[in-house]
N, C-alpha and C. Protein backbone atom coordinates (compact mmCIF):
# COMPACT_ATOMS: atom_id res chain seq x y z
N ILE A 1 0.58 -1.17 -0.40
CA ILE A 1 -0.17 -0.11 -0.56
C ILE A 1 0.94 1.29 0.12
N ALA A 2 1.53 0.87 0.73
CA ALA A 2 3.18 3.10 0.49
C ALA A 2 3.78 3.17 -0.36
N VAL A 3 3.66 1.80 -1.12
CA VAL A 3 4.71 2.25 -2.71
C VAL A 3 3.70 2.27 -3.87
N ARG A 4 2.04 2.19 -3.04
CA ARG A 4 0.90 2.58 -4.48
C ARG A 4 0.96 4.08 -4.01
N MET A 5 0.78 4.33 -2.93
CA MET A 5 0.61 6.13 -2.55
C MET A 5 1.51 6.61 -2.71
N TYR A 6 3.03 6.27 -3.04
CA TYR A 6 4.05 7.07 -3.00
C TYR A 6 4.10 7.39 -4.78
N LYS A 7 3.34 5.86 -5.43
CA LYS A 7 3.02 6.46 -6.95
C LYS A 7 2.74 7.42 -7.01
N SER A 8 1.38 7.36 -6.15
CA SER A 8 0.03 8.17 -7.07
C SER A 8 0.69 9.90 -6.79
N GLY A 9 1.40 10.07 -6.20
CA GLY A 9 2.12 11.07 -6.11
C GLY A 9 1.24 12.20 -4.92
N ASP A 10 -0.01 11.63 -4.39
CA ASP A 10 -0.34 12.13 -3.59
C ASP A 10 -0.45 12.36 -2.48
N TYR A 11 0.73 12.19 -1.74
CA TYR A 11 1.19 11.81 -0.43
C TYR A 11 2.06 11.87 -0.49
N SER A 12 2.29 12.64 1.22
CA SER A 12 3.88 13.17 1.47
C SER A 12 4.52 12.17 2.12
N ILE A 13 5.88 11.69 1.86
CA ILE A 13 6.44 10.41 2.75
C ILE A 13 5.43 10.24 4.04
N LYS A 14 5.40 11.77 5.20
CA LYS A 14 5.21 11.64 6.40
C LYS A 14 3.87 11.08 6.39
N GLU A 15 2.44 11.50 5.59
CA GLU A 15 1.66 11.12 5.21
C GLU A 15 1.40 9.36 5.15
N ILE A 16 2.49 9.43 4.86
CA ILE A 16 2.46 7.44 3.98
C ILE A 16 3.30 6.72 5.02
N ILE A 17 4.44 7.40 6.43
CA ILE A 17 4.94 6.62 6.54
C ILE A 17 3.89 6.29 8.81
N GLU A 18 3.10 7.98 8.17
CA GLU A 18 2.35 7.05 9.82
C GLU A 18 0.65 6.31 9.28
N THR A 19 0.29 6.80 7.48
CA THR A 19 -0.54 5.59 7.96
C THR A 19 0.09 4.24 7.79
N ASN A 20 0.69 3.86 7.27
CA ASN A 20 1.36 2.52 6.90
C ASN A 20 1.34 1.99 9.17
N GLN A 21 2.00 2.77 9.42
CA GLN A 21 2.56 2.62 10.66
C GLN A 21 4.11 1.65 10.34
N ILE A 22 4.99 2.23 9.38
CA ILE A 22 6.26 2.28 8.80
C ILE A 22 7.32 2.74 8.86
N SER A 23 8.16 2.45 9.78
CA SER A 23 10.14 3.79 10.01
C SER A 23 10.10 3.93 8.85
N THR A 24 10.81 5.46 8.75
CA THR A 24 11.17 5.85 7.21
C THR A 24 12.50 5.58 6.77
N GLY A 25 13.17 4.49 7.50
CA GLY A 25 14.10 2.98 7.38
C GLY A 25 13.42 1.78 6.53
N THR A 26 12.06 1.33 6.79
CA THR A 26 11.76 0.58 6.12
C THR A 26 10.88 1.48 5.23
N PHE A 27 10.75 2.26 5.07
CA PHE A 27 10.48 3.15 3.98
C PHE A 27 10.84 3.48 2.91
N TYR A 28 11.86 4.04 2.79
CA TYR A 28 13.22 4.25 1.85
C TYR A 28 14.04 3.07 1.54
N ARG A 29 13.88 1.89 2.24
CA ARG A 29 14.35 0.73 2.17
C ARG A 29 13.91 -0.23 0.60
N GLU A 30 12.65 -0.38 0.33
CA GLU A 30 11.16 -0.33 0.35
C GLU A 30 11.14 0.05 -1.38
N ILE A 31 11.64 1.24 -1.29
CA ILE A 31 11.87 2.29 -2.56
C ILE A 31 12.28 2.32 -2.95
N ASN A 32 14.51 1.81 -2.51
CA ASN A 32 14.94 1.84 -2.86
C ASN A 32 15.25 0.54 -3.52
N ARG A 33 14.53 -0.68 -3.12
CA ARG A 33 14.65 -1.87 -3.47
C ARG A 33 14.26 -1.90 -4.58
N LEU A 34 12.88 -1.59 -5.46
CA LEU A 34 11.77 -1.11 -6.52
C LEU A 34 13.02 -0.31 -7.02
N LYS A 35 13.30 0.66 -7.41
CA LYS A 35 13.87 1.32 -7.99
C LYS A 35 15.34 1.01 -8.83
N LEU A 36 16.04 0.20 -7.75
CA LEU A 36 16.92 -0.86 -8.21
C LEU A 36 16.74 -2.19 -9.14
N LYS A 37 15.46 -2.48 -8.84
CA LYS A 37 14.54 -4.43 -9.25
C LYS A 37 14.35 -3.34 -10.73
N LYS A 38 14.01 -2.05 -11.30
CA LYS A 38 13.25 -1.64 -12.37
C LYS A 38 14.70 -1.16 -13.02
N LEU A 39 15.82 -1.35 -12.47
CA LEU A 39 17.11 -0.15 -13.40
C LEU A 39 17.32 -1.65 -13.82
N ASN A 40 17.73 -2.52 -12.26
CA ASN A 40 17.94 -3.68 -13.42
C ASN A 40 17.72 -4.87 -14.33
N LYS A 41 16.81 -4.82 -14.50
CA LYS A 41 15.33 -4.59 -15.60
C LYS A 41 15.99 -3.51 -17.31
N LYS A 42 15.51 -2.63 -16.63
CA LYS A 42 16.10 -2.25 -18.50
C LYS A 42 17.86 -2.42 -18.16
N ASN A 43 18.41 -2.81 -17.59
CA ASN A 43 20.40 -3.14 -18.82
C ASN A 43 20.40 -4.93 -18.44
N GLU A 44 19.63 -5.30 -18.32
CA GLU A 44 18.76 -6.24 -18.90
C GLU A 44 18.44 -6.63 -20.65
N GLN A 45 17.36 -5.43 -20.43
CA GLN A 45 16.55 -5.52 -21.86
C GLN A 45 17.86 -5.14 -23.11
N LEU A 46 18.89 -3.68 -22.32
CA LEU A 46 20.24 -3.61 -23.45
C LEU A 46 20.96 -3.97 -23.88
N THR A 47 20.98 -5.29 -23.07
CA THR A 47 21.98 -6.26 -23.23
C THR A 47 22.29 -7.34 -24.32
């Protein structure tokens, strides 16, 4: 849910972590994991 809220652009980081009762670290870890996954997928397509 937190990722969907982030991607929508309708919520602040503070709203997302408070609504989902997660820490800031957990939130950013998940966002970074998804960004890395997306980047790896792009790199695979280039090779």
